[in-house]
Amino acid sequence: MEKLEEIEKKLEKQFEDACEAVVMAKEEGKTAEEIKHLTNIKADQKFKVCLAALVA
């Protein structure tokens, strides 16, 4: 159980980092393609967080 909590925290951190990357890309004026790629990564991380929460 403790291992699952560690995994969930790690995934939550990765999701937060992905969110920050999207915001920074928009602020820096990155291309729509770059922002879309980062947004897809963010969505993947959110899915992993939700999946880990269901397993826990």
N, C-alpha and C. Protein backbone atom coordinates (compact mmCIF):
# COMPACT_ATOMS: atom_id res chain seq x y z
N MET A 1 0.82 -1.20 0.00
CA MET A 1 0.00 0.00 0.00
C MET A 1 0.87 1.26 0.00
N GLU A 2 1.92 1.23 0.79
CA GLU A 2 2.82 2.39 0.86
C GLU A 2 3.49 2.64 -0.49
N LYS A 3 3.82 1.57 -1.19
CA LYS A 3 4.45 1.68 -2.51
C LYS A 3 3.49 2.35 -3.49
N LEU A 4 2.20 2.01 -3.42
CA LEU A 4 1.21 2.63 -4.29
C LEU A 4 1.10 4.12 -4.03
N GLU A 5 1.17 4.51 -2.76
CA GLU A 5 1.11 5.93 -2.41
C GLU A 5 2.31 6.68 -2.98
N GLU A 6 3.48 6.04 -2.92
CA GLU A 6 4.69 6.66 -3.49
C GLU A 6 4.54 6.84 -4.99
N ILE A 7 4.01 5.83 -5.65
CA ILE A 7 3.80 5.91 -7.10
C ILE A 7 2.80 7.02 -7.42
N GLU A 8 1.72 7.09 -6.65
CA GLU A 8 0.70 8.11 -6.88
C GLU A 8 1.29 9.51 -6.70
N LYS A 9 2.10 9.71 -5.66
CA LYS A 9 2.73 11.02 -5.44
C LYS A 9 3.66 11.38 -6.58
N LYS A 10 4.41 10.40 -7.07
CA LYS A 10 5.33 10.63 -8.19
C LYS A 10 4.54 11.04 -9.43
N LEU A 11 3.45 10.34 -9.70
CA LEU A 11 2.63 10.66 -10.86
C LEU A 11 1.97 12.03 -10.73
N GLU A 12 1.54 12.38 -9.52
CA GLU A 12 0.96 13.71 -9.30
C GLU A 12 1.99 14.80 -9.56
N LYS A 13 3.22 14.57 -9.15
CA LYS A 13 4.30 15.54 -9.39
C LYS A 13 4.56 15.68 -10.89
N GLN A 14 4.56 14.56 -11.60
CA GLN A 14 4.76 14.61 -13.04
C GLN A 14 3.62 15.37 -13.72
N PHE A 15 2.39 15.19 -13.22
CA PHE A 15 1.25 15.91 -13.77
C PHE A 15 1.40 17.40 -13.53
N GLU A 16 1.80 17.78 -12.32
CA GLU A 16 2.01 19.20 -12.01
C GLU A 16 3.09 19.80 -12.91
N ASP A 17 4.16 19.04 -13.14
CA ASP A 17 5.23 19.50 -14.03
C ASP A 17 4.72 19.68 -15.45
N ALA A 18 3.87 18.75 -15.90
CA ALA A 18 3.31 18.84 -17.25
C ALA A 18 2.40 20.06 -17.38
N CYS A 19 1.62 20.34 -16.34
CA CYS A 19 0.76 21.53 -16.35
C CYS A 19 1.60 22.79 -16.45
N GLU A 20 2.66 22.84 -15.68
CA GLU A 20 3.56 24.00 -15.68
C GLU A 20 4.22 24.17 -17.05
N ALA A 21 4.58 23.06 -17.68
CA ALA A 21 5.22 23.12 -18.99
C ALA A 21 4.28 23.72 -20.04
N VAL A 22 2.99 23.37 -19.96
CA VAL A 22 2.01 23.92 -20.90
C VAL A 22 1.88 25.43 -20.70
N VAL A 23 1.77 25.85 -19.45
CA VAL A 23 1.64 27.27 -19.15
C VAL A 23 2.87 28.03 -19.64
N MET A 24 4.05 27.50 -19.35
CA MET A 24 5.29 28.16 -19.77
C MET A 24 5.38 28.24 -21.29
N ALA A 25 4.98 27.18 -21.98
CA ALA A 25 5.03 27.18 -23.44
C ALA A 25 4.13 28.26 -24.02
N LYS A 26 2.95 28.41 -23.43
CA LYS A 26 2.03 29.45 -23.90
C LYS A 26 2.61 30.84 -23.64
N GLU A 27 3.20 31.03 -22.46
CA GLU A 27 3.79 32.33 -22.12
C GLU A 27 4.97 32.66 -23.03
N GLU A 28 5.72 31.64 -23.42
CA GLU A 28 6.90 31.85 -24.26
C GLU A 28 6.55 31.95 -25.75
N GLY A 29 5.27 31.79 -26.07
CA GLY A 29 4.85 31.91 -27.46
C GLY A 29 5.25 30.73 -28.34
N LYS A 30 5.30 29.55 -27.75
CA LYS A 30 5.64 28.36 -28.53
C LYS A 30 4.56 28.11 -29.59
N THR A 31 4.90 27.29 -30.56
CA THR A 31 3.95 26.99 -31.63
C THR A 31 2.79 26.16 -31.11
N ALA A 32 1.69 26.19 -31.85
CA ALA A 32 0.51 25.42 -31.47
C ALA A 32 0.85 23.93 -31.42
N GLU A 33 1.71 23.48 -32.31
CA GLU A 33 2.10 22.06 -32.34
C GLU A 33 2.84 21.68 -31.06
N GLU A 34 3.75 22.54 -30.62
CA GLU A 34 4.50 22.27 -29.38
C GLU A 34 3.56 22.26 -28.18
N ILE A 35 2.64 23.20 -28.14
CA ILE A 35 1.69 23.28 -27.03
C ILE A 35 0.78 22.06 -27.04
N LYS A 36 0.35 21.63 -28.23
CA LYS A 36 -0.51 20.44 -28.33
C LYS A 36 0.23 19.22 -27.81
N HIS A 37 1.50 19.09 -28.17
CA HIS A 37 2.31 17.96 -27.70
C HIS A 37 2.39 17.96 -26.17
N LEU A 38 2.67 19.11 -25.59
CA LEU A 38 2.75 19.21 -24.13
C LEU A 38 1.39 18.95 -23.48
N THR A 39 0.32 19.39 -24.12
CA THR A 39 -1.02 19.15 -23.60
C THR A 39 -1.34 17.66 -23.62
N ASN A 40 -0.90 16.96 -24.65
CA ASN A 40 -1.11 15.51 -24.72
C ASN A 40 -0.35 14.80 -23.60
N ILE A 41 0.86 15.25 -23.33
CA ILE A 41 1.63 14.68 -22.23
C ILE A 41 0.90 14.92 -20.91
N LYS A 42 0.37 16.13 -20.75
CA LYS A 42 -0.38 16.48 -19.54
C LYS A 42 -1.58 15.55 -19.38
N ALA A 43 -2.30 15.31 -20.45
CA ALA A 43 -3.47 14.42 -20.40
C ALA A 43 -3.06 13.00 -20.03
N ASP A 44 -1.94 12.53 -20.58
CA ASP A 44 -1.45 11.20 -20.25
C ASP A 44 -1.11 11.10 -18.77
N GLN A 45 -0.48 12.14 -18.23
CA GLN A 45 -0.12 12.13 -16.81
C GLN A 45 -1.37 12.14 -15.94
N LYS A 46 -2.38 12.91 -16.33
CA LYS A 46 -3.62 12.96 -15.56
C LYS A 46 -4.27 11.58 -15.54
N PHE A 47 -4.27 10.89 -16.68
CA PHE A 47 -4.83 9.55 -16.76
C PHE A 47 -4.10 8.61 -15.80
N LYS A 48 -2.78 8.70 -15.78
CA LYS A 48 -1.99 7.84 -14.90
C LYS A 48 -2.29 8.12 -13.43
N VAL A 49 -2.48 9.39 -13.08
CA VAL A 49 -2.82 9.74 -11.70
C VAL A 49 -4.18 9.14 -11.33
N CYS A 50 -5.14 9.27 -12.21
CA CYS A 50 -6.48 8.73 -11.95
C CYS A 50 -6.44 7.21 -11.84
N LEU A 51 -5.68 6.57 -12.70
CA LEU A 51 -5.56 5.12 -12.67
C LEU A 51 -4.90 4.66 -11.36
N ALA A 52 -3.87 5.35 -10.94
CA ALA A 52 -3.20 5.01 -9.68
C ALA A 52 -4.14 5.18 -8.50
N ALA A 53 -4.97 6.22 -8.54
CA ALA A 53 -5.93 6.45 -7.46
C ALA A 53 -6.96 5.33 -7.41
N LEU A 54 -7.38 4.85 -8.56
CA LEU A 54 -8.34 3.74 -8.60
C LEU A 54 -7.74 2.46 -8.05
N VAL A 55 -6.48 2.22 -8.37
CA VAL A 55 -5.81 1.01 -7.89
C VAL A 55 -5.60 1.07 -6.39
N ALA A 56 -5.27 2.25 -5.90
CA ALA A 56 -5.04 2.43 -4.45
C ALA A 56 -6.35 2.35 -3.76
